[in-house]
Amino acid sequence: MGRMSGPHVIRGSVSLPEAELMWRFSRSSGPGGQHVNTSDSQVELRFDLAATNALPEVWKQRALERLAGRLVGGVVTVRASEHRSQWRNREAAAVRLAALLAEASAPPPKPRRATKIPRGINERRLREKKQRADTKRGRSGRDWH
């Protein structure tokens, strides 16, 4: 089967350390014929977020805060069972975990600075609005005999 497709990068030069990933395999529901009854194709991937040293401390704290509802004892769990092959489910779970950690450890967005609308733009909007109203008022058939 070969190796998995390289390290799963979270962001920049930070990637998931293979040694800290805990894999569990079980039988999966879904498509697959007779073979599916004997093969453990569902994948459960666990990563101890609280104990890892692979993430910078700031990222780790951010991720722990944002994923607090998903963590069980500081461990984040991801399941994959959409493919028939265990190998593809392993890939899917690793990619999903990397994406989850990337999103959870991302810096907060910069606050929006309120800007004032230029007076000319506002005046033009009101002028066009008045013209449109006049056009529509002129369409009413009141004056036609």
Protein backbone atom coordinates (compact mmCIF):
# COMPACT_ATOMS: atom_id res chain seq x y z
CA MET A 1 0.00 0.00 0.00
CA GLY A 2 2.86 2.45 0.60
CA ARG A 3 3.06 5.44 2.88
CA MET A 4 0.43 8.07 3.45
CA SER A 5 0.70 11.16 1.29
CA GLY A 6 3.30 13.04 3.27
CA PRO A 7 2.93 15.09 6.42
CA HIS A 8 -0.42 16.84 6.78
CA VAL A 9 0.44 20.50 7.04
CA ILE A 10 -1.64 22.63 9.39
CA ARG A 11 -0.21 26.02 8.39
CA GLY A 12 3.24 27.21 7.32
CA SER A 13 5.91 24.77 8.47
CA VAL A 14 3.75 23.22 11.21
CA SER A 15 2.41 19.75 10.44
CA LEU A 16 0.75 16.87 12.27
CA PRO A 17 3.41 14.61 13.88
CA GLU A 18 2.71 11.01 12.86
CA ALA A 19 3.93 9.74 16.24
CA GLU A 20 1.21 11.67 18.12
CA LEU A 21 -1.69 10.39 15.99
CA MET A 22 -3.70 7.54 17.51
CA TRP A 23 -5.64 5.42 15.01
CA ARG A 24 -8.56 3.08 15.65
CA PHE A 25 -10.32 0.98 13.03
CA SER A 26 -13.78 -0.56 13.11
CA ARG A 27 -16.42 -1.92 10.79
CA SER A 28 -18.17 0.73 8.79
CA SER A 29 -21.79 0.92 7.73
CA GLY A 30 -22.64 1.89 4.18
CA PRO A 31 -21.77 0.49 0.74
CA GLY A 32 -19.48 -2.46 0.12
CA GLY A 33 -21.03 -5.90 -0.47
CA GLN A 34 -19.91 -9.03 1.41
CA HIS A 35 -16.34 -7.84 1.97
CA VAL A 36 -17.52 -4.92 4.12
CA ASN A 37 -18.70 -7.34 6.83
CA THR A 38 -15.15 -8.53 7.48
CA SER A 39 -13.05 -5.40 6.94
CA ASP A 40 -12.39 -2.60 9.41
CA SER A 41 -12.73 0.36 7.06
CA GLN A 42 -14.06 3.05 9.44
CA VAL A 43 -11.24 5.16 10.85
CA GLU A 44 -11.16 7.07 14.13
CA LEU A 45 -8.21 9.44 14.48
CA ARG A 46 -7.34 10.91 17.89
CA PHE A 47 -4.89 13.70 18.60
CA ASP A 48 -3.93 14.79 22.12
CA LEU A 49 -4.14 18.55 21.68
CA ALA A 50 -3.49 19.33 25.34
CA ALA A 51 -0.23 17.35 25.51
CA THR A 52 1.28 18.07 22.08
CA ASN A 53 4.46 20.08 21.56
CA ALA A 54 4.05 20.15 17.77
CA LEU A 55 1.98 23.34 17.81
CA PRO A 56 3.28 26.73 18.91
CA GLU A 57 1.96 27.57 22.41
CA VAL A 58 -0.23 30.45 21.16
CA TRP A 59 -1.88 28.24 18.52
CA LYS A 60 -2.38 25.48 21.06
CA GLN A 61 -4.16 27.78 23.54
CA ARG A 62 -6.34 29.21 20.76
CA ALA A 63 -7.28 25.71 19.54
CA LEU A 64 -8.01 24.49 23.08
CA GLU A 65 -10.40 27.42 23.61
CA ARG A 66 -12.18 27.10 20.26
CA LEU A 67 -12.49 23.30 20.32
CA ALA A 68 -13.46 23.08 24.00
CA GLY A 69 -16.84 21.55 23.12
CA ARG A 70 -15.25 18.81 20.99
CA LEU A 71 -12.43 17.82 23.33
CA VAL A 72 -12.62 14.85 25.67
CA GLY A 73 -9.77 15.08 28.16
CA GLY A 74 -7.79 17.36 25.85
CA VAL A 75 -8.08 14.88 22.95
CA VAL A 76 -9.76 15.78 19.65
CA THR A 77 -11.35 12.92 17.67
CA VAL A 78 -12.17 12.75 13.95
CA ARG A 79 -14.04 9.91 12.22
CA ALA A 80 -14.08 8.96 8.54
CA SER A 81 -16.13 6.20 6.96
CA GLU A 82 -17.26 7.59 3.61
CA HIS A 83 -14.88 5.45 1.50
CA ARG A 84 -14.83 1.68 1.14
CA SER A 85 -11.10 1.42 1.68
CA GLN A 86 -9.48 1.95 5.05
CA TRP A 87 -6.58 3.66 3.34
CA ARG A 88 -8.73 6.40 1.81
CA ASN A 89 -10.57 6.84 5.09
CA ARG A 90 -7.22 7.31 6.84
CA GLU A 91 -6.32 10.03 4.34
CA ALA A 92 -9.73 11.69 4.77
CA ALA A 93 -9.47 11.66 8.57
CA ALA A 94 -5.95 13.11 8.57
CA VAL A 95 -6.91 15.88 6.13
CA ARG A 96 -10.03 16.66 8.19
CA LEU A 97 -8.02 16.85 11.42
CA ALA A 98 -5.40 19.13 9.83
CA ALA A 99 -8.15 21.43 8.51
CA LEU A 100 -9.89 21.48 11.89
CA LEU A 101 -6.66 22.40 13.70
CA ALA A 102 -5.77 25.02 11.07
CA GLU A 103 -9.14 26.71 11.50
CA ALA A 104 -9.09 26.47 15.31
CA SER A 105 -5.56 27.86 15.63
CA ALA A 106 -5.98 30.69 13.11
CA PRO A 107 -5.52 34.21 14.46
CA PRO A 108 -8.72 36.13 15.07
CA PRO A 109 -9.77 38.41 12.20
CA LYS A 110 -8.73 42.04 12.41
CA PRO A 111 -11.54 44.21 13.77
CA ARG A 112 -13.44 46.17 11.14
CA ARG A 113 -12.79 49.88 11.17
CA ALA A 114 -15.94 51.88 10.65
CA THR A 115 -15.62 54.42 7.85
CA LYS A 116 -17.86 57.35 7.09
CA ILE A 117 -19.81 57.33 3.84
CA PRO A 118 -18.79 60.33 1.68
CA ARG A 119 -21.53 62.95 1.42
CA GLY A 120 -21.42 62.96 -2.41
CA ILE A 121 -22.26 59.23 -2.57
CA ASN A 122 -25.20 59.65 -0.20
CA GLU A 123 -26.54 62.66 -2.14
CA ARG A 124 -26.27 60.81 -5.45
CA ARG A 125 -28.12 57.81 -3.98
CA LEU A 126 -30.97 60.04 -2.75
CA ARG A 127 -31.13 61.90 -6.09
CA GLU A 128 -31.36 58.63 -8.08
CA LYS A 129 -33.96 57.34 -5.64
CA LYS A 130 -36.10 60.45 -6.18
CA GLN A 131 -35.79 60.13 -9.99
CA ARG A 132 -36.85 56.48 -9.81
CA ALA A 133 -39.87 57.41 -7.68
CA ASP A 134 -40.87 60.11 -10.19
CA THR A 135 -40.57 57.62 -13.06
CA LYS A 136 -42.82 55.15 -11.25
CA ARG A 137 -45.31 57.83 -10.22
CA GLY A 138 -45.57 58.84 -13.88
CA ARG A 139 -46.68 55.32 -14.81
CA SER A 140 -49.91 55.37 -12.87
CA GLY A 141 -52.93 55.63 -15.14
CA ARG A 142 -54.77 58.28 -13.11
CA ASP A 143 -54.55 61.02 -15.75
CA TRP A 144 -55.59 58.86 -18.70
CA HIS A 145 -59.17 59.24 -19.91
